[in-house]
Amino acid sequence: MVVVVVEVVDVVVEVVIVVVVVVDVSVVVVDVVVDVVVDVVVMVVVVVVVVVVVVVVVVVVVVVAVVFVVVVLGMGTGDPFGFTPGPRGTPLGAEPVSPLGETPGPSSTPLGAIDDG
């Protein structure tokens, strides 16, 4: 009878050892999986932030470049893109009219210039 009890106790001890080892391995595996998942999430967040920053910088640079080109190229085109001397509202190179009415001189000469022809 003592032999049977010793054998049963030996089997129970071995089962407990196996359970402890399995639990220990499970804890290690769970720890590794959690570390990997956290690392992947952090990397994804960093990549998303970098992509968003790059896109914002590119959009700002493009907008500034377009505004610069419109202002530089629009300097001689009149409102609203640039500054053309003469009364406001003259469209794209139209000859300004005298504030007193008709401009003196032939109709084809701007601002009363004398036509040699």
PDB file of N, CA and C in Angstrom:
ATOM      1  N   MET A   1       0.806  -1.174   0.000  1.00  0.00           N
ATOM      2  CA  MET A   1       0.000   0.000   0.000  1.00  0.00           C
ATOM      3  C   MET A   1       0.859   1.252   0.000  1.00  0.00           C
ATOM      4  N   VAL A   2       1.922   1.217   0.745  1.00  0.00           N
ATOM      5  CA  VAL A   2       2.844   2.354   0.802  1.00  0.00           C
ATOM      6  C   VAL A   2       3.446   2.590  -0.576  1.00  0.00           C
ATOM      7  N   VAL A   3       3.713   1.546  -1.274  1.00  0.00           N
ATOM      8  CA  VAL A   3       4.298   1.677  -2.608  1.00  0.00           C
ATOM      9  C   VAL A   3       3.294   2.376  -3.536  1.00  0.00           C
ATOM     10  N   VAL A   4       2.056   2.048  -3.432  1.00  0.00           N
ATOM     11  CA  VAL A   4       1.034   2.649  -4.284  1.00  0.00           C
ATOM     12  C   VAL A   4       0.901   4.137  -3.954  1.00  0.00           C
ATOM     13  N   VAL A   5       0.914   4.475  -2.693  1.00  0.00           N
ATOM     14  CA  VAL A   5       0.811   5.879  -2.288  1.00  0.00           C
ATOM     15  C   VAL A   5       2.024   6.649  -2.779  1.00  0.00           C
ATOM     16  N   VAL A   6       3.184   6.062  -2.681  1.00  0.00           N
ATOM     17  CA  VAL A   6       4.403   6.722  -3.156  1.00  0.00           C
ATOM     18  C   VAL A   6       4.327   6.911  -4.670  1.00  0.00           C
ATOM     19  N   GLU A   7       3.848   5.923  -5.361  1.00  0.00           N
ATOM     20  CA  GLU A   7       3.719   6.037  -6.816  1.00  0.00           C
ATOM     21  C   GLU A   7       2.714   7.146  -7.188  1.00  0.00           C
ATOM     22  N   VAL A   8       1.610   7.217  -6.483  1.00  0.00           N
ATOM     23  CA  VAL A   8       0.602   8.234  -6.751  1.00  0.00           C
ATOM     24  C   VAL A   8       1.184   9.613  -6.454  1.00  0.00           C
ATOM     25  N   VAL A   9       1.882   9.748  -5.355  1.00  0.00           N
ATOM     26  CA  VAL A   9       2.502  11.034  -5.009  1.00  0.00           C
ATOM     27  C   VAL A   9       3.534  11.393  -6.061  1.00  0.00           C
ATOM     28  N   ASP A  10       4.297  10.453  -6.542  1.00  0.00           N
ATOM     29  CA  ASP A  10       5.296  10.704  -7.582  1.00  0.00           C
ATOM     30  C   ASP A  10       4.625  11.180  -8.879  1.00  0.00           C
ATOM     31  N   VAL A  11       3.534  10.564  -9.261  1.00  0.00           N
ATOM     32  CA  VAL A  11       2.810  10.969 -10.473  1.00  0.00           C
ATOM     33  C   VAL A  11       2.228  12.362 -10.286  1.00  0.00           C
ATOM     34  N   VAL A  12       1.680  12.642  -9.122  1.00  0.00           N
ATOM     35  CA  VAL A  12       1.104  13.966  -8.862  1.00  0.00           C
ATOM     36  C   VAL A  12       2.196  15.022  -8.922  1.00  0.00           C
ATOM     37  N   VAL A  13       3.355  14.745  -8.371  1.00  0.00           N
ATOM     38  CA  VAL A  13       4.472  15.696  -8.405  1.00  0.00           C
ATOM     39  C   VAL A  13       4.907  15.923  -9.848  1.00  0.00           C
ATOM     40  N   GLU A  14       4.996  14.884 -10.628  1.00  0.00           N
ATOM     41  CA  GLU A  14       5.376  15.047 -12.038  1.00  0.00           C
ATOM     42  C   GLU A  14       4.334  15.863 -12.811  1.00  0.00           C
ATOM     43  N   VAL A  15       3.075  15.642 -12.545  1.00  0.00           N
ATOM     44  CA  VAL A  15       2.019  16.395 -13.201  1.00  0.00           C
ATOM     45  C   VAL A  15       2.103  17.869 -12.806  1.00  0.00           C
ATOM     46  N   VAL A  16       2.354  18.127 -11.538  1.00  0.00           N
ATOM     47  CA  VAL A  16       2.494  19.508 -11.066  1.00  0.00           C
ATOM     48  C   VAL A  16       3.699  20.166 -11.733  1.00  0.00           C
ATOM     49  N   ILE A  17       4.786  19.441 -11.852  1.00  0.00           N
ATOM     50  CA  ILE A  17       5.977  19.990 -12.517  1.00  0.00           C
ATOM     51  C   ILE A  17       5.658  20.301 -13.979  1.00  0.00           C
ATOM     52  N   VAL A  18       4.972  19.419 -14.660  1.00  0.00           N
ATOM     53  CA  VAL A  18       4.610  19.651 -16.061  1.00  0.00           C
ATOM     54  C   VAL A  18       3.688  20.867 -16.164  1.00  0.00           C
ATOM     55  N   VAL A  19       2.734  20.987 -15.267  1.00  0.00           N
ATOM     56  CA  VAL A  19       1.814  22.128 -15.287  1.00  0.00           C
ATOM     57  C   VAL A  19       2.581  23.417 -15.038  1.00  0.00           C
ATOM     58  N   VAL A  20       3.503  23.416 -14.102  1.00  0.00           N
ATOM     59  CA  VAL A  20       4.298  24.616 -13.805  1.00  0.00           C
ATOM     60  C   VAL A  20       5.149  24.991 -15.018  1.00  0.00           C
ATOM     61  N   VAL A  21       5.743  24.026 -15.670  1.00  0.00           N
ATOM     62  CA  VAL A  21       6.566  24.301 -16.848  1.00  0.00           C
ATOM     63  C   VAL A  21       5.682  24.851 -17.982  1.00  0.00           C
ATOM     64  N   VAL A  22       4.523  24.264 -18.185  1.00  0.00           N
ATOM     65  CA  VAL A  22       3.628  24.730 -19.237  1.00  0.00           C
ATOM     66  C   VAL A  22       3.169  26.161 -18.939  1.00  0.00           C
ATOM     67  N   VAL A  23       2.837  26.432 -17.698  1.00  0.00           N
ATOM     68  CA  VAL A  23       2.411  27.775 -17.317  1.00  0.00           C
ATOM     69  C   VAL A  23       3.568  28.751 -17.495  1.00  0.00           C
ATOM     70  N   ASP A  24       4.763  28.363 -17.112  1.00  0.00           N
ATOM     71  CA  ASP A  24       5.930  29.239 -17.268  1.00  0.00           C
ATOM     72  C   ASP A  24       6.196  29.523 -18.746  1.00  0.00           C
ATOM     73  N   VAL A  25       6.143  28.506 -19.575  1.00  0.00           N
ATOM     74  CA  VAL A  25       6.341  28.685 -21.009  1.00  0.00           C
ATOM     75  C   VAL A  25       5.224  29.552 -21.575  1.00  0.00           C
ATOM     76  N   SER A  26       4.008  29.355 -21.111  1.00  0.00           N
ATOM     77  CA  SER A  26       2.886  30.169 -21.583  1.00  0.00           C
ATOM     78  C   SER A  26       3.081  31.635 -21.222  1.00  0.00           C
ATOM     79  N   VAL A  27       3.568  31.893 -20.036  1.00  0.00           N
ATOM     80  CA  VAL A  27       3.811  33.270 -19.618  1.00  0.00           C
ATOM     81  C   VAL A  27       4.891  33.894 -20.488  1.00  0.00           C
ATOM     82  N   VAL A  28       5.927  33.153 -20.782  1.00  0.00           N
ATOM     83  CA  VAL A  28       6.996  33.661 -21.639  1.00  0.00           C
ATOM     84  C   VAL A  28       6.459  33.928 -23.041  1.00  0.00           C
ATOM     85  N   VAL A  29       5.679  33.014 -23.577  1.00  0.00           N
ATOM     86  CA  VAL A  29       5.123  33.187 -24.913  1.00  0.00           C
ATOM     87  C   VAL A  29       4.191  34.407 -24.947  1.00  0.00           C
ATOM     88  N   VAL A  30       3.350  34.553 -23.950  1.00  0.00           N
ATOM     89  CA  VAL A  30       2.444  35.697 -23.884  1.00  0.00           C
ATOM     90  C   VAL A  30       3.248  36.987 -23.772  1.00  0.00           C
ATOM     91  N   ASP A  31       4.302  36.981 -22.986  1.00  0.00           N
ATOM     92  CA  ASP A  31       5.151  38.167 -22.845  1.00  0.00           C
ATOM     93  C   ASP A  31       5.801  38.538 -24.181  1.00  0.00           C
ATOM     94  N   VAL A  32       6.302  37.549 -24.892  1.00  0.00           N
ATOM     95  CA  VAL A  32       6.928  37.805 -26.190  1.00  0.00           C
ATOM     96  C   VAL A  32       5.885  38.325 -27.185  1.00  0.00           C
ATOM     97  N   VAL A  33       4.707  37.719 -27.202  1.00  0.00           N
ATOM     98  CA  VAL A  33       3.650  38.150 -28.123  1.00  0.00           C
ATOM     99  C   VAL A  33       3.230  39.587 -27.804  1.00  0.00           C
ATOM    100  N   VAL A  34       3.080  39.903 -26.539  1.00  0.00           N
ATOM    101  CA  VAL A  34       2.696  41.262 -26.149  1.00  0.00           C
ATOM    102  C   VAL A  34       3.789  42.243 -26.550  1.00  0.00           C
ATOM    103  N   ASP A  35       5.043  41.891 -26.341  1.00  0.00           N
ATOM    104  CA  ASP A  35       6.144  42.768 -26.757  1.00  0.00           C
ATOM    105  C   ASP A  35       6.133  42.999 -28.266  1.00  0.00           C
ATOM    106  N   VAL A  36       5.924  41.948 -29.036  1.00  0.00           N
ATOM    107  CA  VAL A  36       5.904  42.079 -30.493  1.00  0.00           C
ATOM    108  C   VAL A  36       4.724  42.946 -30.937  1.00  0.00           C
ATOM    109  N   VAL A  37       3.558  42.726 -30.362  1.00  0.00           N
ATOM    110  CA  VAL A  37       2.378  43.510 -30.730  1.00  0.00           C
ATOM    111  C   VAL A  37       2.593  44.982 -30.383  1.00  0.00           C
ATOM    112  N   VAL A  38       3.136  45.259 -29.222  1.00  0.00           N
ATOM    113  CA  VAL A  38       3.403  46.649 -28.823  1.00  0.00           C
ATOM    114  C   VAL A  38       4.415  47.277 -29.778  1.00  0.00           C
ATOM    115  N   ASP A  39       5.466  46.552 -30.117  1.00  0.00           N
ATOM    116  CA  ASP A  39       6.464  47.078 -31.052  1.00  0.00           C
ATOM    117  C   ASP A  39       5.845  47.373 -32.421  1.00  0.00           C
ATOM    118  N   VAL A  40       5.000  46.476 -32.905  1.00  0.00           N
ATOM    119  CA  VAL A  40       4.364  46.671 -34.211  1.00  0.00           C
ATOM    120  C   VAL A  40       3.432  47.882 -34.169  1.00  0.00           C
ATOM    121  N   VAL A  41       2.663  48.020 -33.112  1.00  0.00           N
ATOM    122  CA  VAL A  41       1.752  49.162 -32.998  1.00  0.00           C
ATOM    123  C   VAL A  41       2.541  50.463 -32.946  1.00  0.00           C
ATOM    124  N   VAL A  42       3.617  50.488 -32.190  1.00  0.00           N
ATOM    125  CA  VAL A  42       4.448  51.697 -32.103  1.00  0.00           C
ATOM    126  C   VAL A  42       5.044  52.022 -33.473  1.00  0.00           C
ATOM    127  N   MET A  43       5.514  51.016 -34.189  1.00  0.00           N
ATOM    128  CA  MET A  43       6.087  51.256 -35.514  1.00  0.00           C
ATOM    129  C   MET A  43       5.029  51.786 -36.483  1.00  0.00           C
ATOM    130  N   VAL A  44       3.826  51.229 -36.431  1.00  0.00           N
ATOM    131  CA  VAL A  44       2.756  51.691 -37.314  1.00  0.00           C
ATOM    132  C   VAL A  44       2.404  53.140 -36.994  1.00  0.00           C
ATOM    133  N   VAL A  45       2.320  53.479 -35.722  1.00  0.00           N
ATOM    134  CA  VAL A  45       2.002  54.852 -35.328  1.00  0.00           C
ATOM    135  C   VAL A  45       3.100  55.799 -35.808  1.00  0.00           C
ATOM    136  N   VAL A  46       4.347  55.412 -35.650  1.00  0.00           N
ATOM    137  CA  VAL A  46       5.463  56.261 -36.096  1.00  0.00           C
ATOM    138  C   VAL A  46       5.412  56.442 -37.614  1.00  0.00           C
ATOM    139  N   VAL A  47       5.162  55.384 -38.353  1.00  0.00           N
ATOM    140  CA  VAL A  47       5.094  55.478 -39.812  1.00  0.00           C
ATOM    141  C   VAL A  47       3.937  56.385 -40.230  1.00  0.00           C
ATOM    142  N   VAL A  48       2.782  56.242 -39.595  1.00  0.00           N
ATOM    143  CA  VAL A  48       1.629  57.083 -39.927  1.00  0.00           C
ATOM    144  C   VAL A  48       1.939  58.543 -39.631  1.00  0.00           C
ATOM    145  N   VAL A  49       2.553  58.824 -38.501  1.00  0.00           N
ATOM    146  CA  VAL A  49       2.894  60.206 -38.148  1.00  0.00           C
ATOM    147  C   VAL A  49       3.889  60.777 -39.159  1.00  0.00           C
ATOM    148  N   VAL A  50       4.893  60.005 -39.528  1.00  0.00           N
ATOM    149  CA  VAL A  50       5.887  60.485 -40.497  1.00  0.00           C
ATOM    150  C   VAL A  50       5.219  60.745 -41.852  1.00  0.00           C
ATOM    151  N   VAL A  51       4.351  59.856 -42.295  1.00  0.00           N
ATOM    152  CA  VAL A  51       3.672  60.039 -43.578  1.00  0.00           C
ATOM    153  C   VAL A  51       2.796  61.288 -43.537  1.00  0.00           C
ATOM    154  N   VAL A  52       2.067  61.494 -42.440  1.00  0.00           N
ATOM    155  CA  VAL A  52       1.209  62.672 -42.328  1.00  0.00           C
ATOM    156  C   VAL A  52       2.049  63.946 -42.342  1.00  0.00           C
ATOM    157  N   VAL A  53       3.162  63.948 -41.627  1.00  0.00           N
ATOM    158  CA  VAL A  53       4.030  65.132 -41.608  1.00  0.00           C
ATOM    159  C   VAL A  53       4.588  65.401 -42.998  1.00  0.00           C
ATOM    160  N   VAL A  54       5.031  64.369 -43.696  1.00  0.00           N
ATOM    161  CA  VAL A  54       5.577  64.549 -45.043  1.00  0.00           C
ATOM    162  C   VAL A  54       4.499  65.077 -45.991  1.00  0.00           C
ATOM    163  N   VAL A  55       3.295  64.537 -45.913  1.00  0.00           N
ATOM    164  CA  VAL A  55       2.208  64.995 -46.782  1.00  0.00           C
ATOM    165  C   VAL A  55       1.880  66.456 -46.486  1.00  0.00           C
ATOM    166  N   VAL A  56       1.821  66.827 -45.212  1.00  0.00           N
ATOM    167  CA  VAL A  56       1.518  68.218 -44.859  1.00  0.00           C
ATOM    168  C   VAL A  56       2.613  69.146 -45.372  1.00  0.00           C
ATOM    169  N   VAL A  57       3.864  68.754 -45.213  1.00  0.00           N
ATOM    170  CA  VAL A  57       4.974  69.591 -45.693  1.00  0.00           C
ATOM    171  C   VAL A  57       4.915  69.722 -47.212  1.00  0.00           C
ATOM    172  N   VAL A  58       4.656  68.638 -47.920  1.00  0.00           N
ATOM    173  CA  VAL A  58       4.578  68.698 -49.382  1.00  0.00           C
ATOM    174  C   VAL A  58       3.416  69.594 -49.819  1.00  0.00           C
ATOM    175  N   VAL A  59       2.268  69.473 -49.166  1.00  0.00           N
ATOM    176  CA  VAL A  59       1.120  70.307 -49.528  1.00  0.00           C
ATOM    177  C   VAL A  59       1.435  71.784 -49.273  1.00  0.00           C
ATOM    178  N   VAL A  60       2.059  72.086 -48.148  1.00  0.00           N
ATOM    179  CA  VAL A  60       2.411  73.482 -47.850  1.00  0.00           C
ATOM    180  C   VAL A  60       3.399  74.011 -48.875  1.00  0.00           C
ATOM    181  N   VAL A  61       4.402  73.225 -49.223  1.00  0.00           N
ATOM    182  CA  VAL A  61       5.392  73.663 -50.213  1.00  0.00           C
ATOM    183  C   VAL A  61       4.729  73.893 -51.567  1.00  0.00           C
ATOM    184  N   VAL A  62       3.838  73.000 -51.980  1.00  0.00           N
ATOM    185  CA  VAL A  62       3.163  73.156 -53.269  1.00  0.00           C
ATOM    186  C   VAL A  62       2.277  74.399 -53.259  1.00  0.00           C
ATOM    187  N   VAL A  63       1.546  74.620 -52.179  1.00  0.00           N
ATOM    188  CA  VAL A  63       0.683  75.797 -52.102  1.00  0.00           C
ATOM    189  C   VAL A  63       1.509  77.074 -52.145  1.00  0.00           C
ATOM    190  N   VAL A  64       2.608  77.109 -51.395  1.00  0.00           N
ATOM    191  CA  VAL A  64       3.475  78.296 -51.409  1.00  0.00           C
ATOM    192  C   VAL A  64       4.055  78.501 -52.804  1.00  0.00           C
ATOM    193  N   ALA A  65       4.478  77.436 -53.469  1.00  0.00           N
ATOM    194  CA  ALA A  65       5.037  77.557 -54.814  1.00  0.00           C
ATOM    195  C   ALA A  65       3.984  78.057 -55.801  1.00  0.00           C
ATOM    196  N   VAL A  66       2.773  77.541 -55.714  1.00  0.00           N
ATOM    197  CA  VAL A  66       1.707  77.980 -56.628  1.00  0.00           C
ATOM    198  C   VAL A  66       1.377  79.447 -56.386  1.00  0.00           C
ATOM    199  N   VAL A  67       1.277  79.843 -55.130  1.00  0.00           N
ATOM    200  CA  VAL A  67       0.994  81.256 -54.826  1.00  0.00           C
ATOM    201  C   VAL A  67       2.120  82.133 -55.339  1.00  0.00           C
ATOM    202  N   PHE A  68       3.356  81.703 -55.153  1.00  0.00           N
ATOM    203  CA  PHE A  68       4.503  82.475 -55.631  1.00  0.00           C
ATOM    204  C   PHE A  68       4.455  82.628 -57.151  1.00  0.00           C
ATOM    205  N   VAL A  69       4.203  81.528 -57.853  1.00  0.00           N
ATOM    206  CA  VAL A  69       4.157  81.577 -59.317  1.00  0.00           C
ATOM    207  C   VAL A  69       3.005  82.463 -59.782  1.00  0.00           C
ATOM    208  N   VAL A  70       1.852  82.352 -59.148  1.00  0.00           N
ATOM    209  CA  VAL A  70       0.711  83.178 -59.543  1.00  0.00           C
ATOM    210  C   VAL A  70       1.019  84.648 -59.317  1.00  0.00           C
ATOM    211  N   VAL A  71       1.661  84.963 -58.199  1.00  0.00           N
ATOM    212  CA  VAL A  71       1.974  86.368 -57.917  1.00  0.00           C
ATOM    213  C   VAL A  71       3.034  86.872 -58.891  1.00  0.00           C
ATOM    214  N   VAL A  72       4.086  86.091 -59.118  1.00  0.00           N
ATOM    215  CA  VAL A  72       5.156  86.543 -60.010  1.00  0.00           C
ATOM    216  C   VAL A  72       4.661  86.647 -61.449  1.00  0.00           C
ATOM    217  N   LEU A  73       3.970  85.640 -61.932  1.00  0.00           N
ATOM    218  CA  LEU A  73       3.493  85.678 -63.313  1.00  0.00           C
ATOM    219  C   LEU A  73       2.322  86.631 -63.482  1.00  0.00           C
ATOM    220  N   GLY A  74       1.601  86.911 -62.412  1.00  0.00           N
ATOM    221  CA  GLY A  74       0.432  87.757 -62.517  1.00  0.00           C
ATOM    222  C   GLY A  74       0.708  89.233 -62.350  1.00  0.00           C
ATOM    223  N   MET A  75       1.959  89.620 -62.178  1.00  0.00           N
ATOM    224  CA  MET A  75       2.279  91.020 -61.932  1.00  0.00           C
ATOM    225  C   MET A  75       1.775  91.935 -63.052  1.00  0.00           C
ATOM    226  N   GLY A  76       1.758  91.504 -64.296  1.00  0.00           N
ATOM    227  CA  GLY A  76       1.343  92.369 -65.391  1.00  0.00           C
ATOM    228  C   GLY A  76      -0.035  92.056 -65.924  1.00  0.00           C
ATOM    229  N   THR A  77      -0.821  91.238 -65.235  1.00  0.00           N
ATOM    230  CA  THR A  77      -2.106  90.844 -65.794  1.00  0.00           C
ATOM    231  C   THR A  77      -3.276  91.589 -65.197  1.00  0.00           C
ATOM    232  N   GLY A  78      -3.059  92.452 -64.252  1.00  0.00           N
ATOM    233  CA  GLY A  78      -4.163  93.191 -63.652  1.00  0.00           C
ATOM    234  C   GLY A  78      -4.780  92.438 -62.491  1.00  0.00           C
ATOM    235  N   ASP A  79      -5.791  93.053 -61.919  1.00  0.00           N
ATOM    236  CA  ASP A  79      -6.463  92.436 -60.775  1.00  0.00           C
ATOM    237  C   ASP A  79      -7.082  91.121 -61.188  1.00  0.00           C
ATOM    238  N   PRO A  80      -7.180  90.157 -60.358  1.00  0.00           N
ATOM    239  CA  PRO A  80      -6.757  90.095 -58.969  1.00  0.00           C
ATOM    240  C   PRO A  80      -5.364  89.517 -58.781  1.00  0.00           C
ATOM    241  N   PHE A  81      -4.627  89.219 -59.862  1.00  0.00           N
ATOM    242  CA  PHE A  81      -3.355  88.509 -59.723  1.00  0.00           C
ATOM    243  C   PHE A  81      -2.144  89.410 -59.586  1.00  0.00           C
ATOM    244  N   GLY A  82      -2.229  90.660 -59.920  1.00  0.00           N
ATOM    245  CA  GLY A  82      -1.047  91.501 -59.861  1.00  0.00           C
ATOM    246  C   GLY A  82      -1.437  92.951 -59.795  1.00  0.00           C
ATOM    247  N   PHE A  83      -0.518  93.823 -60.136  1.00  0.00           N
ATOM    248  CA  PHE A  83      -0.750  95.250 -60.047  1.00  0.00           C
ATOM    249  C   PHE A  83      -0.504  95.877 -61.405  1.00  0.00           C
ATOM    250  N   THR A  84      -1.537  96.406 -62.020  1.00  0.00           N
ATOM    251  CA  THR A  84      -1.420  97.099 -63.295  1.00  0.00           C
ATOM    252  C   THR A  84      -1.691  98.571 -63.032  1.00  0.00           C
ATOM    253  N   PRO A  85      -0.793  99.448 -63.482  1.00  0.00           N
ATOM    254  CA  PRO A  85      -1.053 100.870 -63.263  1.00  0.00           C
ATOM    255  C   PRO A  85      -2.327 101.288 -63.985  1.00  0.00           C
ATOM    256  N   GLY A  86      -3.002 102.232 -63.420  1.00  0.00           N
ATOM    257  CA  GLY A  86      -4.248 102.701 -64.015  1.00  0.00           C
ATOM    258  C   GLY A  86      -5.405 102.468 -63.082  1.00  0.00           C
ATOM    259  N   PRO A  87      -6.575 102.885 -63.510  1.00  0.00           N
ATOM    260  CA  PRO A  87      -7.744 102.735 -62.642  1.00  0.00           C
ATOM    261  C   PRO A  87      -8.013 101.269 -62.341  1.00  0.00           C
ATOM    262  N   ARG A  88      -8.594 101.019 -61.160  1.00  0.00           N
ATOM    263  CA  ARG A  88      -8.957  99.640 -60.794  1.00  0.00           C
ATOM    264  C   ARG A  88     -10.070  99.166 -61.708  1.00  0.00           C
ATOM    265  N   GLY A  89     -10.039  97.889 -61.996  1.00  0.00           N
ATOM    266  CA  GLY A  89     -11.114  97.307 -62.770  1.00  0.00           C
ATOM    267  C   GLY A  89     -10.867  97.272 -64.263  1.00  0.00           C
ATOM    268  N   THR A  90      -9.691  97.687 -64.712  1.00  0.00           N
ATOM    269  CA  THR A  90      -9.398  97.579 -66.147  1.00  0.00           C
ATOM    270  C   THR A  90      -9.007  96.142 -66.416  1.00  0.00           C
ATOM    271  N   PRO A  91      -9.744  95.435 -67.256  1.00  0.00           N
ATOM    272  CA  PRO A  91      -9.485  94.009 -67.439  1.00  0.00           C
ATOM    273  C   PRO A  91      -8.320  93.725 -68.376  1.00  0.00           C
ATOM    274  N   LEU A  92      -7.327  93.020 -67.898  1.00  0.00           N
ATOM    275  CA  LEU A  92      -6.265  92.412 -68.700  1.00  0.00           C
ATOM    276  C   LEU A  92      -5.745  93.321 -69.824  1.00  0.00           C
ATOM    277  N   GLY A  93      -5.261  94.477 -69.466  1.00  0.00           N
ATOM    278  CA  GLY A  93      -4.591  95.343 -70.430  1.00  0.00           C
ATOM    279  C   GLY A  93      -5.501  96.291 -71.176  1.00  0.00           C
ATOM    280  N   ALA A  94      -6.758  96.429 -70.777  1.00  0.00           N
ATOM    281  CA  ALA A  94      -7.629  97.407 -71.435  1.00  0.00           C
ATOM    282  C   ALA A  94      -7.109  98.804 -71.142  1.00  0.00           C
ATOM    283  N   GLU A  95      -7.270  99.715 -72.117  1.00  0.00           N
ATOM    284  CA  GLU A  95      -6.768 101.080 -71.934  1.00  0.00           C
ATOM    285  C   GLU A  95      -7.667 101.834 -70.970  1.00  0.00           C
ATOM    286  N   PRO A  96      -7.072 102.454 -69.948  1.00  0.00           N
ATOM    287  CA  PRO A  96      -7.901 103.212 -69.012  1.00  0.00           C
ATOM    288  C   PRO A  96      -8.500 104.444 -69.684  1.00  0.00           C
ATOM    289  N   VAL A  97      -9.684 104.811 -69.285  1.00  0.00           N
ATOM    290  CA  VAL A  97     -10.381 105.974 -69.837  1.00  0.00           C
ATOM    291  C   VAL A  97     -10.138 107.153 -68.904  1.00  0.00           C
ATOM    292  N   SER A  98     -10.076 108.352 -69.471  1.00  0.00           N
ATOM    293  CA  SER A  98      -9.891 109.565 -68.680  1.00  0.00           C
ATOM    294  C   SER A  98     -11.061 109.726 -67.729  1.00  0.00           C
ATOM    295  N   PRO A  99     -10.797 110.163 -66.495  1.00  0.00           N
ATOM    296  CA  PRO A  99     -11.909 110.350 -65.559  1.00  0.00           C
ATOM    297  C   PRO A  99     -12.873 111.445 -66.011  1.00  0.00           C
ATOM    298  N   LEU A 100     -12.458 112.306 -66.958  1.00  0.00           N
ATOM    299  CA  LEU A 100     -13.315 113.402 -67.421  1.00  0.00           C
ATOM    300  C   LEU A 100     -14.152 113.011 -68.635  1.00  0.00           C
ATOM    301  N   GLY A 101     -14.008 111.791 -69.086  1.00  0.00           N
ATOM    302  CA  GLY A 101     -14.795 111.369 -70.244  1.00  0.00           C
ATOM    303  C   GLY A 101     -13.890 110.821 -71.315  1.00  0.00           C
ATOM    304  N   GLU A 102     -14.145 111.242 -72.554  1.00  0.00           N
ATOM    305  CA  GLU A 102     -13.396 110.733 -73.705  1.00  0.00           C
ATOM    306  C   GLU A 102     -11.960 111.240 -73.653  1.00  0.00           C
ATOM    307  N   THR A 103     -11.009 110.379 -74.040  1.00  0.00           N
ATOM    308  CA  THR A 103      -9.598 110.755 -74.089  1.00  0.00           C
ATOM    309  C   THR A 103      -9.357 111.561 -75.354  1.00  0.00           C
ATOM    310  N   PRO A 104      -8.659 112.697 -75.242  1.00  0.00           N
ATOM    311  CA  PRO A 104      -8.397 113.489 -76.452  1.00  0.00           C
ATOM    312  C   PRO A 104      -7.511 112.738 -77.425  1.00  0.00           C
ATOM    313  N   GLY A 105      -7.665 112.989 -78.674  1.00  0.00           N
ATOM    314  CA  GLY A 105      -6.849 112.358 -79.694  1.00  0.00           C
ATOM    315  C   GLY A 105      -7.632 111.291 -80.414  1.00  0.00           C
ATOM    316  N   PRO A 106      -7.016 110.735 -81.473  1.00  0.00           N
ATOM    317  CA  PRO A 106      -7.696 109.673 -82.222  1.00  0.00           C
ATOM    318  C   PRO A 106      -7.998 108.492 -81.312  1.00  0.00           C
ATOM    319  N   SER A 107      -9.020 107.743 -81.665  1.00  0.00           N
ATOM    320  CA  SER A 107      -9.469 106.667 -80.780  1.00  0.00           C
ATOM    321  C   SER A 107      -8.467 105.524 -80.685  1.00  0.00           C
ATOM    322  N   SER A 108      -7.559 105.389 -81.630  1.00  0.00           N
ATOM    323  CA  SER A 108      -6.617 104.277 -81.565  1.00  0.00           C
ATOM    324  C   SER A 108      -5.358 104.620 -80.782  1.00  0.00           C
ATOM    325  N   THR A 109      -5.187 105.860 -80.371  1.00  0.00           N
ATOM    326  CA  THR A 109      -3.981 106.227 -79.618  1.00  0.00           C
ATOM    327  C   THR A 109      -4.326 106.318 -78.142  1.00  0.00           C
ATOM    328  N   PRO A 110      -3.559 105.649 -77.300  1.00  0.00           N
ATOM    329  CA  PRO A 110      -3.886 105.643 -75.873  1.00  0.00           C
ATOM    330  C   PRO A 110      -3.524 106.967 -75.202  1.00  0.00           C
ATOM    331  N   LEU A 111      -4.373 107.436 -74.367  1.00  0.00           N
ATOM    332  CA  LEU A 111      -4.147 108.583 -73.505  1.00  0.00           C
ATOM    333  C   LEU A 111      -3.691 109.837 -74.270  1.00  0.00           C
ATOM    334  N   GLY A 112      -4.218 110.052 -75.471  1.00  0.00           N
ATOM    335  CA  GLY A 112      -3.969 111.297 -76.206  1.00  0.00           C
ATOM    336  C   GLY A 112      -2.634 111.390 -76.916  1.00  0.00           C
ATOM    337  N   ALA A 113      -1.942 110.265 -77.114  1.00  0.00           N
ATOM    338  CA  ALA A 113      -0.672 110.311 -77.852  1.00  0.00           C
ATOM    339  C   ALA A 113      -0.947 110.705 -79.294  1.00  0.00           C
ATOM    340  N   ILE A 114      -0.024 111.432 -79.879  1.00  0.00           N
ATOM    341  CA  ILE A 114      -0.194 111.918 -81.254  1.00  0.00           C
ATOM    342  C   ILE A 114       0.185 110.806 -82.217  1.00  0.00           C
ATOM    343  N   ASP A 115      -0.694 110.524 -83.169  1.00  0.00           N
ATOM    344  CA  ASP A 115      -0.462 109.481 -84.141  1.00  0.00           C
ATOM    345  C   ASP A 115       0.329 110.067 -85.311  1.00  0.00           C
ATOM    346  N   ASP A 116       1.505 109.493 -85.615  1.00  0.00           N
ATOM    347  CA  ASP A 116       2.359 109.980 -86.690  1.00  0.00           C
ATOM    348  C   ASP A 116       1.823 109.571 -88.062  1.00  0.00           C
ATOM    349  N   GLY A 117       0.980 108.602 -88.125  1.00  0.00           N
ATOM    350  CA  GLY A 117       0.549 108.005 -89.376  1.00  0.00           C
ATOM    351  C   GLY A 117      -0.488 108.749 -90.059  1.00  0.00           C
TER     352      GLY A 117
END
